[in-house]
Amino acid sequence: MEQVVYTSAAEVEQALRDAAAAHGEYEKELGHHDADWPVWYAGYMARATGLGT
């Protein structure tokens, strides 16, 4: 099991903001609302730390 560790609330906040922006672009390409956005966010945030999913 891989773990993603953030060192501060500010770091988590920035990661969420980055994921939200990227997800907005993803939904534009998808052409509709992504009901599974939590799965997408989790994968994006893990990859952003250098971990694979």
N, C-alpha and C. Protein backbone atom coordinates (compact mmCIF):
# COMPACT_ATOMS: atom_id res chain seq x y z
N MET A 1 0.84 -1.18 0.00
CA MET A 1 0.00 0.00 0.00
C MET A 1 0.89 1.24 0.00
N GLU A 2 0.57 2.18 -0.89
CA GLU A 2 1.32 3.43 -0.95
C GLU A 2 0.63 4.49 -0.10
N GLN A 3 1.41 5.35 0.49
CA GLN A 3 0.85 6.43 1.30
C GLN A 3 1.29 7.76 0.71
N VAL A 4 0.38 8.72 0.74
CA VAL A 4 0.69 10.08 0.34
C VAL A 4 0.65 10.91 1.61
N VAL A 5 1.72 11.63 1.88
CA VAL A 5 1.81 12.41 3.11
C VAL A 5 2.00 13.89 2.75
N TYR A 6 1.15 14.71 3.31
CA TYR A 6 1.29 16.15 3.17
C TYR A 6 1.79 16.68 4.51
N THR A 7 2.64 17.67 4.46
CA THR A 7 3.27 18.15 5.69
C THR A 7 2.54 19.30 6.37
N SER A 8 1.50 19.83 5.72
CA SER A 8 0.75 20.92 6.33
C SER A 8 -0.63 21.04 5.69
N ALA A 9 -1.51 21.72 6.39
CA ALA A 9 -2.84 21.97 5.84
C ALA A 9 -2.74 22.82 4.57
N ALA A 10 -1.79 23.74 4.54
CA ALA A 10 -1.61 24.58 3.36
C ALA A 10 -1.20 23.74 2.15
N GLU A 11 -0.39 22.72 2.39
CA GLU A 11 0.03 21.83 1.30
C GLU A 11 -1.15 21.02 0.77
N VAL A 12 -2.02 20.55 1.67
CA VAL A 12 -3.22 19.83 1.25
C VAL A 12 -4.13 20.76 0.46
N GLU A 13 -4.30 21.98 0.97
CA GLU A 13 -5.14 22.96 0.29
C GLU A 13 -4.64 23.21 -1.13
N GLN A 14 -3.35 23.41 -1.29
CA GLN A 14 -2.81 23.66 -2.62
C GLN A 14 -2.99 22.44 -3.52
N ALA A 15 -2.80 21.26 -2.98
CA ALA A 15 -2.99 20.03 -3.76
C ALA A 15 -4.44 19.91 -4.23
N LEU A 16 -5.38 20.26 -3.36
CA LEU A 16 -6.80 20.23 -3.74
C LEU A 16 -7.11 21.28 -4.80
N ARG A 17 -6.54 22.47 -4.66
CA ARG A 17 -6.75 23.52 -5.68
C ARG A 17 -6.19 23.09 -7.03
N ASP A 18 -5.00 22.50 -7.02
CA ASP A 18 -4.39 22.03 -8.26
C ASP A 18 -5.24 20.93 -8.90
N ALA A 19 -5.71 20.01 -8.07
CA ALA A 19 -6.55 18.92 -8.57
C ALA A 19 -7.86 19.46 -9.13
N ALA A 20 -8.45 20.44 -8.46
CA ALA A 20 -9.70 21.02 -8.93
C ALA A 20 -9.52 21.67 -10.30
N ALA A 21 -8.45 22.40 -10.46
CA ALA A 21 -8.19 23.05 -11.75
C ALA A 21 -7.98 22.01 -12.86
N ALA A 22 -7.19 20.99 -12.57
CA ALA A 22 -6.94 19.94 -13.56
C ALA A 22 -8.21 19.16 -13.85
N HIS A 23 -9.02 18.93 -12.83
CA HIS A 23 -10.26 18.18 -13.03
C HIS A 23 -11.25 18.97 -13.87
N GLY A 24 -11.26 20.28 -13.70
CA GLY A 24 -12.12 21.12 -14.54
C GLY A 24 -11.76 20.96 -16.01
N GLU A 25 -10.49 20.92 -16.31
CA GLU A 25 -10.04 20.70 -17.69
C GLU A 25 -10.42 19.29 -18.16
N TYR A 26 -10.28 18.32 -17.28
CA TYR A 26 -10.66 16.94 -17.61
C TYR A 26 -12.14 16.86 -17.95
N GLU A 27 -13.00 17.51 -17.14
CA GLU A 27 -14.44 17.48 -17.41
C GLU A 27 -14.78 18.18 -18.72
N LYS A 28 -14.05 19.23 -19.07
CA LYS A 28 -14.28 19.88 -20.37
C LYS A 28 -14.01 18.89 -21.50
N GLU A 29 -12.92 18.16 -21.40
CA GLU A 29 -12.58 17.16 -22.41
C GLU A 29 -13.59 16.01 -22.40
N LEU A 30 -14.04 15.63 -21.20
CA LEU A 30 -15.00 14.54 -21.05
C LEU A 30 -16.36 14.94 -21.63
N GLY A 31 -16.71 16.20 -21.48
CA GLY A 31 -17.97 16.70 -22.01
C GLY A 31 -19.16 16.56 -21.08
N HIS A 32 -18.90 16.16 -19.83
CA HIS A 32 -19.98 16.05 -18.85
C HIS A 32 -19.39 15.97 -17.44
N HIS A 33 -20.30 16.09 -16.47
CA HIS A 33 -19.89 16.01 -15.06
C HIS A 33 -19.33 14.62 -14.77
N ASP A 34 -18.27 14.57 -14.02
CA ASP A 34 -17.65 13.30 -13.61
C ASP A 34 -18.13 12.95 -12.21
N ALA A 35 -19.07 12.02 -12.12
CA ALA A 35 -19.61 11.62 -10.82
C ALA A 35 -18.57 10.92 -9.95
N ASP A 36 -17.54 10.38 -10.56
CA ASP A 36 -16.48 9.69 -9.81
C ASP A 36 -15.30 10.60 -9.53
N TRP A 37 -15.57 11.89 -9.36
CA TRP A 37 -14.49 12.85 -9.16
C TRP A 37 -13.59 12.52 -7.96
N PRO A 38 -14.11 11.94 -6.86
CA PRO A 38 -13.19 11.63 -5.75
C PRO A 38 -12.10 10.65 -6.17
N VAL A 39 -12.44 9.67 -7.00
CA VAL A 39 -11.46 8.70 -7.48
C VAL A 39 -10.42 9.42 -8.34
N TRP A 40 -10.89 10.30 -9.21
CA TRP A 40 -9.99 11.05 -10.09
C TRP A 40 -9.07 11.94 -9.27
N TYR A 41 -9.63 12.66 -8.29
CA TYR A 41 -8.82 13.54 -7.43
C TYR A 41 -7.74 12.75 -6.71
N ALA A 42 -8.13 11.62 -6.12
CA ALA A 42 -7.17 10.81 -5.35
C ALA A 42 -6.01 10.36 -6.23
N GLY A 43 -6.32 9.88 -7.41
CA GLY A 43 -5.26 9.45 -8.33
C GLY A 43 -4.38 10.60 -8.76
N TYR A 44 -5.00 11.73 -9.07
CA TYR A 44 -4.24 12.91 -9.49
C TYR A 44 -3.31 13.37 -8.38
N MET A 45 -3.83 13.44 -7.17
CA MET A 45 -3.03 13.94 -6.05
C MET A 45 -1.90 12.97 -5.71
N ALA A 46 -2.13 11.68 -5.84
CA ALA A 46 -1.06 10.71 -5.59
C ALA A 46 0.01 10.82 -6.67
N ARG A 47 -0.41 10.93 -7.94
CA ARG A 47 0.57 11.07 -9.03
C ARG A 47 1.37 12.36 -8.89
N ALA A 48 0.73 13.43 -8.42
CA ALA A 48 1.40 14.72 -8.27
C ALA A 48 2.53 14.66 -7.23
N THR A 49 2.46 13.70 -6.32
CA THR A 49 3.52 13.55 -5.32
C THR A 49 4.62 12.61 -5.83
N GLY A 50 4.42 12.07 -7.03
CA GLY A 50 5.42 11.18 -7.60
C GLY A 50 5.11 9.71 -7.43
N LEU A 51 3.98 9.41 -6.80
CA LEU A 51 3.57 8.01 -6.61
C LEU A 51 2.70 7.56 -7.78
N GLY A 52 2.81 6.34 -8.16
CA GLY A 52 1.92 5.77 -9.16
C GLY A 52 0.68 5.25 -8.48
N THR A 53 -0.39 5.07 -9.24
CA THR A 53 -1.62 4.50 -8.68
C THR A 53 -2.00 3.26 -9.43
